Amino acid sequence: MEFGQSAEETLVREFREETGLNVSVGALQFVTEFMHGPLHAVELFFEVTVAGGMLRKGSDPELASTITEVRFLSMDEIDALPTAAKHGAFGLVSSSGRIGELNGYFRI
């Protein structure tokens, strides 16, 4: 987050930088605390709706790295990925299609 920028404003900016998509931000769904040294992060997960833009590979200026691939995956495609390739939040549900049922604060 940049100083003075809300979580919602940060999410809109990050989507645009990293995917080329303009999004509108909906409700906060859940929060995760990720603690795997040296990284300790709190992640906020919101509903988003694509409002424009074109899906493309962007960059992550905070990490000074280029994103190598951006695409939408079906829930079946996510389920087929190895556990190590998925965000830890998917380990909290029995199938990827249930990720929207999470509500609360989770340590992963």
C-alpha atoms as a PDB file:
ATOM      1  CA  MET A   1       0.000   0.000   0.000  1.00  0.00           C
ATOM      2  CA  GLU A   2       1.131   3.517  -0.672  1.00  0.00           C
ATOM      3  CA  PHE A   3       0.863   5.999   2.174  1.00  0.00           C
ATOM      4  CA  GLY A   4      -2.585   7.600   2.252  1.00  0.00           C
ATOM      5  CA  GLN A   5      -4.108   5.085  -0.171  1.00  0.00           C
ATOM      6  CA  SER A   6      -7.068   2.987   1.030  1.00  0.00           C
ATOM      7  CA  ALA A   7      -7.130  -0.793   0.702  1.00  0.00           C
ATOM      8  CA  GLU A   8      -9.704  -0.475  -2.085  1.00  0.00           C
ATOM      9  CA  GLU A   9      -7.643   2.131  -3.969  1.00  0.00           C
ATOM     10  CA  THR A  10      -4.568  -0.071  -3.611  1.00  0.00           C
ATOM     11  CA  LEU A  11      -6.445  -3.076  -4.989  1.00  0.00           C
ATOM     12  CA  VAL A  12      -7.635  -1.114  -8.038  1.00  0.00           C
ATOM     13  CA  ARG A  13      -4.070   0.143  -8.699  1.00  0.00           C
ATOM     14  CA  GLU A  14      -2.501  -3.300  -8.217  1.00  0.00           C
ATOM     15  CA  PHE A  15      -4.983  -4.961 -10.589  1.00  0.00           C
ATOM     16  CA  ARG A  16      -4.277  -2.331 -13.247  1.00  0.00           C
ATOM     17  CA  GLU A  17      -0.469  -2.621 -12.850  1.00  0.00           C
ATOM     18  CA  GLU A  18      -0.337  -6.410 -12.723  1.00  0.00           C
ATOM     19  CA  THR A  19      -3.159  -7.490 -15.074  1.00  0.00           C
ATOM     20  CA  GLY A  20      -4.218  -4.490 -17.183  1.00  0.00           C
ATOM     21  CA  LEU A  21      -7.759  -4.805 -15.812  1.00  0.00           C
ATOM     22  CA  ASN A  22      -9.839  -2.057 -14.250  1.00  0.00           C
ATOM     23  CA  VAL A  23     -11.915  -3.421 -11.388  1.00  0.00           C
ATOM     24  CA  SER A  24     -14.606  -2.201  -9.055  1.00  0.00           C
ATOM     25  CA  VAL A  25     -14.204  -3.383  -5.488  1.00  0.00           C
ATOM     26  CA  GLY A  26     -17.013  -5.085  -3.587  1.00  0.00           C
ATOM     27  CA  ALA A  27     -17.267  -6.561  -0.105  1.00  0.00           C
ATOM     28  CA  LEU A  28     -14.363  -7.742   2.015  1.00  0.00           C
ATOM     29  CA  GLN A  29     -14.551 -11.565   2.052  1.00  0.00           C
ATOM     30  CA  PHE A  30     -11.773 -12.763   4.361  1.00  0.00           C
ATOM     31  CA  VAL A  31      -8.304 -11.968   5.705  1.00  0.00           C
ATOM     32  CA  THR A  32      -5.201 -14.154   5.860  1.00  0.00           C
ATOM     33  CA  GLU A  33      -2.041 -13.728   7.871  1.00  0.00           C
ATOM     34  CA  PHE A  34       0.914 -15.238   6.048  1.00  0.00           C
ATOM     35  CA  MET A  35       4.008 -15.898   8.167  1.00  0.00           C
ATOM     36  CA  HIS A  36       6.795 -17.692   6.360  1.00  0.00           C
ATOM     37  CA  GLY A  37      10.160 -16.014   6.978  1.00  0.00           C
ATOM     38  CA  PRO A  38      11.293 -13.598   5.934  1.00  0.00           C
ATOM     39  CA  LEU A  39       7.780 -12.525   4.866  1.00  0.00           C
ATOM     40  CA  HIS A  40       5.027 -11.606   7.314  1.00  0.00           C
ATOM     41  CA  ALA A  41       1.961 -10.229   5.537  1.00  0.00           C
ATOM     42  CA  VAL A  42      -1.716  -9.595   6.157  1.00  0.00           C
ATOM     43  CA  GLU A  43      -3.780 -10.127   2.994  1.00  0.00           C
ATOM     44  CA  LEU A  44      -7.277  -8.733   2.455  1.00  0.00           C
ATOM     45  CA  PHE A  45      -9.522 -10.585  -0.016  1.00  0.00           C
ATOM     46  CA  PHE A  46     -12.330  -8.591  -1.637  1.00  0.00           C
ATOM     47  CA  GLU A  47     -14.968  -9.367  -4.242  1.00  0.00           C
ATOM     48  CA  VAL A  48     -14.047  -7.603  -7.488  1.00  0.00           C
ATOM     49  CA  THR A  49     -15.826  -7.059 -10.778  1.00  0.00           C
ATOM     50  CA  VAL A  50     -13.970  -6.403 -14.020  1.00  0.00           C
ATOM     51  CA  ALA A  51     -15.033  -2.952 -15.210  1.00  0.00           C
ATOM     52  CA  GLY A  52     -12.757  -2.619 -18.246  1.00  0.00           C
ATOM     53  CA  GLY A  53      -9.251  -2.967 -19.576  1.00  0.00           C
ATOM     54  CA  MET A  54      -7.579  -5.824 -21.410  1.00  0.00           C
ATOM     55  CA  LEU A  55      -6.019  -8.807 -19.653  1.00  0.00           C
ATOM     56  CA  ARG A  56      -2.251  -8.621 -20.129  1.00  0.00           C
ATOM     57  CA  LYS A  57       0.996  -9.384 -18.340  1.00  0.00           C
ATOM     58  CA  GLY A  58       1.961  -6.509 -16.090  1.00  0.00           C
ATOM     59  CA  SER A  59       4.660  -6.018 -13.517  1.00  0.00           C
ATOM     60  CA  ASP A  60       4.985  -5.933  -9.768  1.00  0.00           C
ATOM     61  CA  PRO A  61       6.989  -2.785  -8.992  1.00  0.00           C
ATOM     62  CA  GLU A  62       7.309  -3.695  -5.303  1.00  0.00           C
ATOM     63  CA  LEU A  63       9.265  -6.819  -6.183  1.00  0.00           C
ATOM     64  CA  ALA A  64      10.957  -5.320  -9.257  1.00  0.00           C
ATOM     65  CA  SER A  65       9.855  -8.388 -11.188  1.00  0.00           C
ATOM     66  CA  THR A  66       7.877  -9.090 -14.307  1.00  0.00           C
ATOM     67  CA  ILE A  67       4.842 -11.312 -14.185  1.00  0.00           C
ATOM     68  CA  THR A  68       5.316 -14.192 -16.616  1.00  0.00           C
ATOM     69  CA  GLU A  69       1.683 -15.192 -17.205  1.00  0.00           C
ATOM     70  CA  VAL A  70      -1.804 -13.827 -16.532  1.00  0.00           C
ATOM     71  CA  ARG A  71      -4.957 -15.802 -17.265  1.00  0.00           C
ATOM     72  CA  PHE A  72      -8.263 -16.825 -15.764  1.00  0.00           C
ATOM     73  CA  LEU A  73      -8.540 -20.391 -14.473  1.00  0.00           C
ATOM     74  CA  SER A  74     -11.671 -22.427 -13.905  1.00  0.00           C
ATOM     75  CA  MET A  75     -12.194 -23.931 -10.467  1.00  0.00           C
ATOM     76  CA  ASP A  76     -11.421 -27.370 -11.937  1.00  0.00           C
ATOM     77  CA  GLU A  77      -8.096 -26.047 -13.290  1.00  0.00           C
ATOM     78  CA  ILE A  78      -7.254 -24.622  -9.869  1.00  0.00           C
ATOM     79  CA  ASP A  79      -8.123 -27.928  -8.189  1.00  0.00           C
ATOM     80  CA  ALA A  80      -5.770 -29.724 -10.615  1.00  0.00           C
ATOM     81  CA  LEU A  81      -2.776 -27.546  -9.667  1.00  0.00           C
ATOM     82  CA  PRO A  82      -0.218 -28.896  -7.207  1.00  0.00           C
ATOM     83  CA  THR A  83      -0.764 -27.563  -3.679  1.00  0.00           C
ATOM     84  CA  ALA A  84       2.531 -25.640  -3.816  1.00  0.00           C
ATOM     85  CA  ALA A  85       1.277 -23.674  -6.852  1.00  0.00           C
ATOM     86  CA  LYS A  86      -1.891 -22.444  -5.104  1.00  0.00           C
ATOM     87  CA  HIS A  87      -2.410 -19.656  -2.613  1.00  0.00           C
ATOM     88  CA  GLY A  88      -2.573 -21.031   0.933  1.00  0.00           C
ATOM     89  CA  ALA A  89      -6.207 -19.925   1.268  1.00  0.00           C
ATOM     90  CA  PHE A  90      -7.199 -22.798  -1.034  1.00  0.00           C
ATOM     91  CA  GLY A  91      -5.948 -25.177   1.658  1.00  0.00           C
ATOM     92  CA  LEU A  92      -8.735 -23.899   3.921  1.00  0.00           C
ATOM     93  CA  VAL A  93     -11.523 -25.305   1.726  1.00  0.00           C
ATOM     94  CA  SER A  94     -12.331 -28.786   0.409  1.00  0.00           C
ATOM     95  CA  SER A  95     -12.477 -27.579  -3.216  1.00  0.00           C
ATOM     96  CA  SER A  96     -11.623 -24.353  -5.003  1.00  0.00           C
ATOM     97  CA  GLY A  97     -15.280 -23.670  -5.728  1.00  0.00           C
ATOM     98  CA  ARG A  98     -15.811 -23.159  -1.980  1.00  0.00           C
ATOM     99  CA  ILE A  99     -13.273 -20.317  -1.638  1.00  0.00           C
ATOM    100  CA  GLY A 100     -16.141 -17.791  -1.663  1.00  0.00           C
ATOM    101  CA  GLU A 101     -17.505 -19.357   1.509  1.00  0.00           C
ATOM    102  CA  LEU A 102     -14.523 -18.222   3.586  1.00  0.00           C
ATOM    103  CA  ASN A 103     -15.332 -15.488   6.048  1.00  0.00           C
ATOM    104  CA  GLY A 104     -13.070 -14.365   8.876  1.00  0.00           C
ATOM    105  CA  TYR A 105      -9.385 -14.210   9.746  1.00  0.00           C
ATOM    106  CA  PHE A 106      -7.070 -17.138   8.981  1.00  0.00           C
ATOM    107  CA  ARG A 107      -3.383 -17.846   9.582  1.00  0.00           C
ATOM    108  CA  ILE A 108      -1.800 -19.769   6.744  1.00  0.00           C
END
